[in-house]
Amino acid sequence: MSDVENSAPAMEGSEFRLPPASFSFLVLSMRAQVEVHLGLLPFGEAENAEPNLPLARHTIDMMAVLAEKTKGNLTPKEQNFLQNALYELRMAYVEVTNAIARGPQSAPPSK
């Protein structure tokens, strides 16, 4: 991709610029997807949506595949970043799943 394409605004007539493509941005993007699916990160019309556990689990599993396939090719900082994100998301998944199992009196934990 050329520098011109990389620096183009994400939306016409706005000052918003996309961040550079990086491993950390990929991990953060996937993490945000999981948090939205778990109902921990409100987003648009899905702000009051019920958690979507299958989509959250699938994205966590995709991150685990990424960790496995990149093993030995990441810097220690990147490896720790991905492993920490996976651990935190797995724990959040368990918390939300347990809150749902306890019933409506228990709301999913807030971040």
N, C-alpha and C. Protein backbone atom coordinates (compact mmCIF):
# COMPACT_ATOMS: atom_id res chain seq x y z
N MET A 1 0.86 -1.16 0.00
CA MET A 1 0.00 0.00 0.00
C MET A 1 0.91 1.23 0.00
N SER A 2 0.56 2.21 -0.76
CA SER A 2 1.40 3.41 -0.84
C SER A 2 1.17 4.33 0.34
N ASP A 3 2.12 5.26 0.55
CA ASP A 3 1.99 6.22 1.65
C ASP A 3 0.76 7.09 1.46
N VAL A 4 0.42 7.38 0.21
CA VAL A 4 -0.76 8.21 -0.06
C VAL A 4 -2.02 7.50 0.41
N GLU A 5 -2.13 6.19 0.13
CA GLU A 5 -3.30 5.44 0.56
C GLU A 5 -3.35 5.33 2.08
N ASN A 6 -2.19 5.15 2.71
CA ASN A 6 -2.12 5.03 4.17
C ASN A 6 -2.53 6.30 4.89
N SER A 7 -2.27 7.46 4.29
CA SER A 7 -2.54 8.70 4.98
C SER A 7 -3.90 9.30 4.62
N ALA A 8 -4.65 8.63 3.78
CA ALA A 8 -5.97 9.14 3.38
C ALA A 8 -6.91 9.12 4.57
N PRO A 9 -7.77 10.13 4.70
CA PRO A 9 -8.72 10.13 5.82
C PRO A 9 -9.69 8.97 5.71
N ALA A 10 -10.11 8.49 6.85
CA ALA A 10 -11.05 7.37 6.90
C ALA A 10 -12.42 7.80 6.39
N MET A 11 -12.76 9.07 6.61
CA MET A 11 -14.05 9.59 6.19
C MET A 11 -13.80 10.88 5.43
N GLU A 12 -14.48 11.04 4.34
CA GLU A 12 -14.33 12.27 3.54
C GLU A 12 -14.68 13.49 4.38
N GLY A 13 -13.86 14.53 4.25
CA GLY A 13 -14.17 15.79 4.91
C GLY A 13 -13.94 15.78 6.41
N SER A 14 -13.26 14.78 6.93
CA SER A 14 -13.01 14.74 8.37
C SER A 14 -11.52 14.77 8.64
N GLU A 15 -11.18 14.97 9.89
CA GLU A 15 -9.79 14.98 10.30
C GLU A 15 -9.34 13.61 10.82
N PHE A 16 -10.25 12.66 10.90
CA PHE A 16 -9.95 11.33 11.42
C PHE A 16 -9.01 10.59 10.48
N ARG A 17 -7.94 10.09 11.03
CA ARG A 17 -6.98 9.30 10.25
C ARG A 17 -6.88 7.92 10.88
N LEU A 18 -6.75 6.93 10.04
CA LEU A 18 -6.57 5.58 10.53
C LEU A 18 -5.18 5.44 11.14
N PRO A 19 -5.07 4.69 12.22
CA PRO A 19 -3.73 4.46 12.78
C PRO A 19 -2.94 3.56 11.84
N PRO A 20 -1.64 3.58 11.96
CA PRO A 20 -0.84 2.70 11.10
C PRO A 20 -1.15 1.23 11.40
N ALA A 21 -1.09 0.42 10.38
CA ALA A 21 -1.30 -1.01 10.56
C ALA A 21 -0.14 -1.56 11.39
N SER A 22 -0.49 -2.27 12.47
CA SER A 22 0.54 -2.85 13.33
C SER A 22 -0.04 -4.07 14.03
N PHE A 23 0.84 -4.86 14.60
CA PHE A 23 0.39 -6.03 15.34
C PHE A 23 -0.44 -5.61 16.55
N SER A 24 0.02 -4.58 17.26
CA SER A 24 -0.73 -4.16 18.44
C SER A 24 -2.12 -3.64 18.07
N PHE A 25 -2.24 -2.95 16.94
CA PHE A 25 -3.57 -2.48 16.53
C PHE A 25 -4.47 -3.66 16.15
N LEU A 26 -3.90 -4.69 15.55
CA LEU A 26 -4.68 -5.89 15.24
C LEU A 26 -5.22 -6.52 16.52
N VAL A 27 -4.35 -6.67 17.52
CA VAL A 27 -4.78 -7.26 18.79
C VAL A 27 -5.84 -6.39 19.46
N LEU A 28 -5.61 -5.08 19.47
CA LEU A 28 -6.60 -4.17 20.07
C LEU A 28 -7.94 -4.22 19.35
N SER A 29 -7.91 -4.34 18.04
CA SER A 29 -9.15 -4.42 17.26
C SER A 29 -9.93 -5.68 17.61
N MET A 30 -9.22 -6.80 17.69
CA MET A 30 -9.89 -8.06 18.02
C MET A 30 -10.40 -8.03 19.46
N ARG A 31 -9.61 -7.42 20.35
CA ARG A 31 -10.03 -7.31 21.74
C ARG A 31 -11.32 -6.49 21.84
N ALA A 32 -11.38 -5.39 21.12
CA ALA A 32 -12.58 -4.55 21.13
C ALA A 32 -13.79 -5.32 20.62
N GLN A 33 -13.59 -6.15 19.59
CA GLN A 33 -14.69 -6.96 19.07
C GLN A 33 -15.24 -7.88 20.16
N VAL A 34 -14.33 -8.53 20.88
CA VAL A 34 -14.77 -9.43 21.95
C VAL A 34 -15.53 -8.66 23.02
N GLU A 35 -15.00 -7.51 23.40
CA GLU A 35 -15.66 -6.71 24.44
C GLU A 35 -17.05 -6.24 24.01
N VAL A 36 -17.21 -5.92 22.74
CA VAL A 36 -18.53 -5.56 22.22
C VAL A 36 -19.45 -6.78 22.29
N HIS A 37 -18.97 -7.93 21.85
CA HIS A 37 -19.78 -9.15 21.86
C HIS A 37 -20.16 -9.57 23.28
N LEU A 38 -19.30 -9.26 24.25
CA LEU A 38 -19.62 -9.61 25.64
C LEU A 38 -20.51 -8.57 26.31
N GLY A 39 -20.77 -7.46 25.63
CA GLY A 39 -21.59 -6.41 26.21
C GLY A 39 -20.81 -5.51 27.16
N LEU A 40 -19.49 -5.57 27.11
CA LEU A 40 -18.65 -4.77 28.01
C LEU A 40 -18.26 -3.43 27.40
N LEU A 41 -18.41 -3.31 26.10
CA LEU A 41 -18.02 -2.10 25.39
C LEU A 41 -19.20 -1.68 24.51
N PRO A 42 -20.00 -0.71 24.95
CA PRO A 42 -21.15 -0.29 24.15
C PRO A 42 -20.70 0.25 22.80
N PHE A 43 -21.46 -0.09 21.78
CA PHE A 43 -21.10 0.35 20.44
C PHE A 43 -22.36 0.54 19.60
N GLY A 44 -22.61 1.75 19.18
CA GLY A 44 -23.73 2.04 18.27
C GLY A 44 -25.05 1.51 18.75
N GLU A 45 -25.79 0.92 17.84
CA GLU A 45 -27.11 0.38 18.16
C GLU A 45 -27.02 -0.86 19.04
N ALA A 46 -25.84 -1.47 19.10
CA ALA A 46 -25.66 -2.66 19.92
C ALA A 46 -25.42 -2.31 21.38
N GLU A 47 -25.56 -1.03 21.72
CA GLU A 47 -25.27 -0.56 23.07
C GLU A 47 -26.03 -1.33 24.14
N ASN A 48 -27.29 -1.65 23.89
CA ASN A 48 -28.10 -2.37 24.87
C ASN A 48 -28.35 -3.81 24.45
N ALA A 49 -27.57 -4.31 23.52
CA ALA A 49 -27.77 -5.66 23.01
C ALA A 49 -27.31 -6.69 24.04
N GLU A 50 -27.92 -7.85 23.98
CA GLU A 50 -27.51 -8.97 24.81
C GLU A 50 -26.13 -9.44 24.36
N PRO A 51 -25.34 -9.96 25.30
CA PRO A 51 -24.04 -10.51 24.90
C PRO A 51 -24.21 -11.61 23.86
N ASN A 52 -23.30 -11.66 22.92
CA ASN A 52 -23.29 -12.71 21.90
C ASN A 52 -22.10 -13.62 22.21
N LEU A 53 -22.34 -14.60 23.07
CA LEU A 53 -21.27 -15.47 23.53
C LEU A 53 -20.61 -16.27 22.42
N PRO A 54 -21.36 -16.81 21.44
CA PRO A 54 -20.68 -17.55 20.37
C PRO A 54 -19.70 -16.67 19.57
N LEU A 55 -20.09 -15.44 19.27
CA LEU A 55 -19.18 -14.55 18.54
C LEU A 55 -17.98 -14.16 19.40
N ALA A 56 -18.21 -13.91 20.68
CA ALA A 56 -17.10 -13.59 21.58
C ALA A 56 -16.13 -14.76 21.65
N ARG A 57 -16.65 -15.97 21.84
CA ARG A 57 -15.80 -17.17 21.92
C ARG A 57 -15.03 -17.38 20.62
N HIS A 58 -15.69 -17.17 19.48
CA HIS A 58 -15.04 -17.36 18.19
C HIS A 58 -13.87 -16.39 18.02
N THR A 59 -14.07 -15.14 18.40
CA THR A 59 -12.99 -14.16 18.26
C THR A 59 -11.85 -14.47 19.22
N ILE A 60 -12.16 -14.91 20.42
CA ILE A 60 -11.11 -15.33 21.35
C ILE A 60 -10.34 -16.51 20.76
N ASP A 61 -11.07 -17.45 20.18
CA ASP A 61 -10.41 -18.59 19.54
C ASP A 61 -9.53 -18.16 18.37
N MET A 62 -9.98 -17.17 17.61
CA MET A 62 -9.18 -16.65 16.49
C MET A 62 -7.89 -16.01 17.02
N MET A 63 -8.00 -15.31 18.14
CA MET A 63 -6.81 -14.72 18.74
C MET A 63 -5.84 -15.82 19.22
N ALA A 64 -6.38 -16.92 19.71
CA ALA A 64 -5.54 -18.04 20.13
C ALA A 64 -4.83 -18.66 18.93
N VAL A 65 -5.51 -18.75 17.80
CA VAL A 65 -4.88 -19.22 16.56
C VAL A 65 -3.76 -18.28 16.16
N LEU A 66 -4.02 -16.99 16.25
CA LEU A 66 -2.99 -15.99 15.94
C LEU A 66 -1.78 -16.18 16.84
N ALA A 67 -2.00 -16.41 18.12
CA ALA A 67 -0.89 -16.62 19.07
C ALA A 67 -0.10 -17.86 18.69
N GLU A 68 -0.80 -18.93 18.34
CA GLU A 68 -0.12 -20.18 17.98
C GLU A 68 0.67 -20.03 16.68
N LYS A 69 0.08 -19.41 15.69
CA LYS A 69 0.72 -19.30 14.37
C LYS A 69 1.86 -18.28 14.35
N THR A 70 1.89 -17.36 15.31
CA THR A 70 2.96 -16.36 15.33
C THR A 70 4.03 -16.69 16.37
N LYS A 71 3.88 -17.83 17.06
CA LYS A 71 4.84 -18.22 18.10
C LYS A 71 6.25 -18.24 17.51
N GLY A 72 7.16 -17.56 18.18
CA GLY A 72 8.55 -17.50 17.72
C GLY A 72 8.82 -16.38 16.73
N ASN A 73 7.78 -15.69 16.29
CA ASN A 73 7.93 -14.61 15.32
C ASN A 73 7.58 -13.24 15.89
N LEU A 74 7.25 -13.20 17.16
CA LEU A 74 6.87 -11.94 17.80
C LEU A 74 7.98 -11.47 18.73
N THR A 75 8.03 -10.17 18.94
CA THR A 75 8.94 -9.66 19.96
C THR A 75 8.37 -10.06 21.32
N PRO A 76 9.21 -10.08 22.35
CA PRO A 76 8.66 -10.40 23.68
C PRO A 76 7.52 -9.47 24.08
N LYS A 77 7.63 -8.20 23.73
CA LYS A 77 6.57 -7.24 24.06
C LYS A 77 5.26 -7.61 23.34
N GLU A 78 5.34 -7.95 22.04
CA GLU A 78 4.15 -8.35 21.28
C GLU A 78 3.55 -9.64 21.84
N GLN A 79 4.42 -10.60 22.17
CA GLN A 79 3.96 -11.88 22.73
C GLN A 79 3.23 -11.66 24.04
N ASN A 80 3.80 -10.85 24.93
CA ASN A 80 3.15 -10.57 26.22
C ASN A 80 1.83 -9.83 26.02
N PHE A 81 1.81 -8.88 25.09
CA PHE A 81 0.60 -8.12 24.81
C PHE A 81 -0.53 -9.04 24.38
N LEU A 82 -0.24 -9.95 23.46
CA LEU A 82 -1.25 -10.89 22.97
C LEU A 82 -1.67 -11.86 24.07
N GLN A 83 -0.72 -12.42 24.80
CA GLN A 83 -1.06 -13.38 25.85
C GLN A 83 -1.87 -12.72 26.97
N ASN A 84 -1.52 -11.50 27.34
CA ASN A 84 -2.28 -10.79 28.37
C ASN A 84 -3.70 -10.49 27.89
N ALA A 85 -3.84 -10.07 26.64
CA ALA A 85 -5.17 -9.80 26.09
C ALA A 85 -6.01 -11.07 26.10
N LEU A 86 -5.42 -12.19 25.68
CA LEU A 86 -6.14 -13.46 25.68
C LEU A 86 -6.58 -13.85 27.09
N TYR A 87 -5.70 -13.73 28.05
CA TYR A 87 -6.04 -14.08 29.42
C TYR A 87 -7.19 -13.22 29.94
N GLU A 88 -7.07 -11.90 29.75
CA GLU A 88 -8.11 -11.00 30.25
C GLU A 88 -9.45 -11.24 29.57
N LEU A 89 -9.43 -11.52 28.27
CA LEU A 89 -10.68 -11.77 27.55
C LEU A 89 -11.30 -13.10 27.98
N ARG A 90 -10.47 -14.10 28.19
CA ARG A 90 -11.01 -15.39 28.66
C ARG A 90 -11.66 -15.23 30.03
N MET A 91 -11.03 -14.46 30.91
CA MET A 91 -11.59 -14.23 32.24
C MET A 91 -12.90 -13.43 32.14
N ALA A 92 -12.95 -12.44 31.27
CA ALA A 92 -14.17 -11.65 31.08
C ALA A 92 -15.28 -12.54 30.52
N TYR A 93 -14.93 -13.44 29.61
CA TYR A 93 -15.91 -14.37 29.04
C TYR A 93 -16.53 -15.22 30.15
N VAL A 94 -15.68 -15.75 31.04
CA VAL A 94 -16.17 -16.58 32.14
C VAL A 94 -17.07 -15.75 33.06
N GLU A 95 -16.67 -14.52 33.38
CA GLU A 95 -17.49 -13.66 34.24
C GLU A 95 -18.86 -13.39 33.64
N VAL A 96 -18.89 -13.05 32.35
CA VAL A 96 -20.16 -12.76 31.69
C VAL A 96 -21.01 -14.02 31.62
N THR A 97 -20.40 -15.13 31.28
CA THR A 97 -21.14 -16.40 31.21
C THR A 97 -21.74 -16.75 32.58
N ASN A 98 -20.96 -16.57 33.64
CA ASN A 98 -21.46 -16.84 35.00
C ASN A 98 -22.58 -15.88 35.38
N ALA A 99 -22.44 -14.61 35.01
CA ALA A 99 -23.48 -13.62 35.32
C ALA A 99 -24.78 -13.99 34.60
N ILE A 100 -24.69 -14.44 33.38
CA ILE A 100 -25.88 -14.84 32.63
C ILE A 100 -26.52 -16.06 33.28
N ALA A 101 -25.69 -17.00 33.71
CA ALA A 101 -26.21 -18.23 34.35
C ALA A 101 -26.90 -17.93 35.67
N ARG A 102 -26.43 -16.89 36.38
CA ARG A 102 -27.05 -16.53 37.66
C ARG A 102 -28.42 -15.87 37.46
N GLY A 103 -28.66 -15.35 36.30
CA GLY A 103 -29.97 -14.76 36.03
C GLY A 103 -29.95 -13.27 35.88
N PRO A 104 -31.15 -12.70 35.64
CA PRO A 104 -31.27 -11.28 35.33
C PRO A 104 -30.88 -10.34 36.46
N GLN A 105 -30.87 -10.81 37.71
CA GLN A 105 -30.50 -9.92 38.80
C GLN A 105 -29.03 -9.55 38.74
N SER A 106 -28.23 -10.30 37.97
CA SER A 106 -26.80 -10.04 37.85
C SER A 106 -26.48 -9.46 36.48
N ALA A 107 -26.07 -8.23 36.45
CA ALA A 107 -25.65 -7.62 35.18
C ALA A 107 -24.22 -8.02 34.92
N PRO A 108 -23.80 -8.06 33.62
CA PRO A 108 -22.41 -8.35 33.32
C PRO A 108 -21.51 -7.30 33.98
N PRO A 109 -20.32 -7.72 34.42
CA PRO A 109 -19.44 -6.77 35.10
C PRO A 109 -19.04 -5.64 34.19
N SER A 110 -18.94 -4.44 34.77
CA SER A 110 -18.50 -3.31 33.96
C SER A 110 -17.00 -3.25 33.98
N LYS A 111 -16.46 -2.64 32.95
CA LYS A 111 -15.02 -2.55 32.80
C LYS A 111 -14.42 -1.51 33.65
